[in-house]
Protein backbone atom coordinates (compact mmCIF):
# COMPACT_ATOMS: atom_id res chain seq x y z
CA UNK A 1 -32.12 -37.79 77.52
CA UNK A 2 -31.28 -41.13 76.36
CA UNK A 3 -29.49 -43.42 78.73
CA UNK A 4 -27.16 -46.59 77.73
CA UNK A 5 -26.77 -45.43 74.29
CA UNK A 6 -23.65 -47.08 72.32
CA UNK A 7 -22.29 -45.64 69.78
CA UNK A 8 -19.93 -48.54 67.16
CA UNK A 9 -17.33 -46.99 65.41
CA UNK A 10 -14.89 -49.41 63.51
CA UNK A 11 -12.74 -47.31 60.97
CA UNK A 12 -9.30 -47.17 63.21
CA UNK A 13 -8.91 -50.64 64.29
CA UNK A 14 -10.95 -52.72 62.20
CA UNK A 15 -9.46 -55.77 60.67
CA UNK A 16 -6.59 -55.87 63.39
CA UNK A 17 -5.38 -59.07 64.85
CA UNK A 18 -6.60 -59.91 68.66
CA UNK A 19 -4.29 -62.14 70.68
CA UNK A 20 -5.32 -64.14 73.74
CA UNK A 21 -3.00 -63.40 76.75
CA UNK A 22 -1.08 -66.95 75.80
CA UNK A 23 -0.51 -65.14 72.26
CA UNK A 24 -2.87 -67.10 70.38
CA UNK A 25 -4.81 -65.14 67.52
CA UNK A 26 -8.33 -65.74 68.11
CA UNK A 27 -9.83 -63.40 65.21
CA UNK A 28 -10.35 -59.75 64.35
CA UNK A 29 -11.62 -56.21 65.72
CA UNK A 30 -14.72 -55.61 64.07
CA UNK A 31 -15.49 -52.84 65.69
CA UNK A 32 -15.14 -50.40 68.43
CA UNK A 33 -18.61 -49.56 71.00
CA UNK A 34 -18.40 -46.52 72.73
CA UNK A 35 -20.53 -44.72 75.19
CA UNK A 36 -22.74 -42.05 73.50
CA UNK A 37 -22.74 -39.90 77.12
CA UNK A 38 -19.19 -40.32 78.08
CA UNK A 39 -17.35 -41.04 74.48
CA UNK A 40 -15.10 -43.83 75.94
CA UNK A 41 -14.51 -46.78 74.51
CA UNK A 42 -16.48 -49.93 75.97
CA UNK A 43 -15.75 -53.08 73.98
CA UNK A 44 -14.33 -54.26 70.88
CA UNK A 45 -16.45 -56.34 68.91
CA UNK A 46 -14.26 -59.18 67.67
CA UNK A 47 -15.22 -61.42 64.63
CA UNK A 48 -13.40 -65.09 65.54
CA UNK A 49 -11.56 -67.46 64.14
CA UNK A 50 -13.49 -70.71 64.10
CA UNK A 51 -11.27 -72.26 66.29
CA UNK A 52 -11.71 -69.81 69.22
CA UNK A 53 -15.45 -69.68 68.49
CA UNK A 54 -15.77 -73.56 68.74
CA UNK A 55 -13.69 -72.99 71.88
CA UNK A 56 -16.19 -70.64 73.41
CA UNK A 57 -19.55 -72.42 72.08
CA UNK A 58 -20.07 -69.32 70.12
CA UNK A 59 -22.39 -70.02 67.29
CA UNK A 60 -21.49 -69.09 64.08
CA UNK A 61 -22.82 -70.05 60.63
CA UNK A 62 -20.87 -71.09 56.97
CA UNK A 63 -20.55 -67.45 55.90
CA UNK A 64 -20.35 -65.36 58.90
CA UNK A 65 -17.99 -65.81 62.03
CA UNK A 66 -19.14 -65.58 65.34
CA UNK A 67 -19.04 -62.24 67.04
CA UNK A 68 -18.42 -61.08 70.78
CA UNK A 69 -17.94 -58.43 72.53
CA UNK A 70 -14.26 -57.70 74.82
CA UNK A 71 -14.59 -55.35 77.71
CA UNK A 72 -11.69 -52.59 77.51
CA UNK A 73 -11.05 -53.77 81.14
CA UNK A 74 -9.44 -57.27 79.48
CA UNK A 75 -7.18 -55.36 77.20
CA UNK A 76 -3.68 -55.20 77.61
CA UNK A 77 -2.46 -53.46 74.61
CA UNK A 78 -4.18 -52.05 71.58
CA UNK A 79 -1.98 -51.16 68.93
CA UNK A 80 -0.92 -53.15 65.43
CA UNK A 81 -3.07 -55.88 67.34
CA UNK A 82 -4.79 -55.63 70.53
CA UNK A 83 -3.43 -58.08 72.81
CA UNK A 84 -5.74 -59.37 75.77
CA UNK A 85 -4.46 -59.95 79.72
CA UNK A 86 -6.68 -63.24 79.89
CA UNK A 87 -6.65 -66.67 78.18
CA UNK A 88 -9.15 -67.32 75.50
CA UNK A 89 -11.35 -69.70 78.05
CA UNK A 90 -11.25 -66.64 79.88
CA UNK A 91 -14.02 -65.29 77.79
CA UNK A 92 -16.78 -68.49 78.05
CA UNK A 93 -19.21 -65.95 80.17
CA UNK A 94 -19.14 -63.30 77.49
CA UNK A 95 -22.36 -63.32 75.49
CA UNK A 96 -21.76 -62.76 71.56
CA UNK A 97 -22.48 -59.49 70.25
CA UNK A 98 -25.63 -60.17 68.41
CA UNK A 99 -27.39 -61.38 72.14
CA UNK A 100 -26.05 -57.94 73.53
CA UNK A 101 -27.10 -55.48 70.90
CA UNK A 102 -30.43 -57.18 70.65
CA UNK A 103 -30.58 -56.54 74.83
CA UNK A 104 -29.40 -52.81 74.80
């Protein structure tokens, strides 16, 4: 039995805007991370806008946006857009998606 397995699924919400708790658009949904055992969504992988990435200190390249994984506990609602219940500054403690994936 594999523990800690996470499945990436991104078809349904991909490309939808992600808005922080202050109403500022910070990026777009790039994917969902689903626990392979419980089939529950654990986090949203978010491709950050340049301004949000710079505010968070997230690394981005010329042709590749910075991404982070935002736990569902920080999501207020998900529909036409994903609305967070925290401001962008509260996301500083989150690891970039590449670091999280590499550590699993």
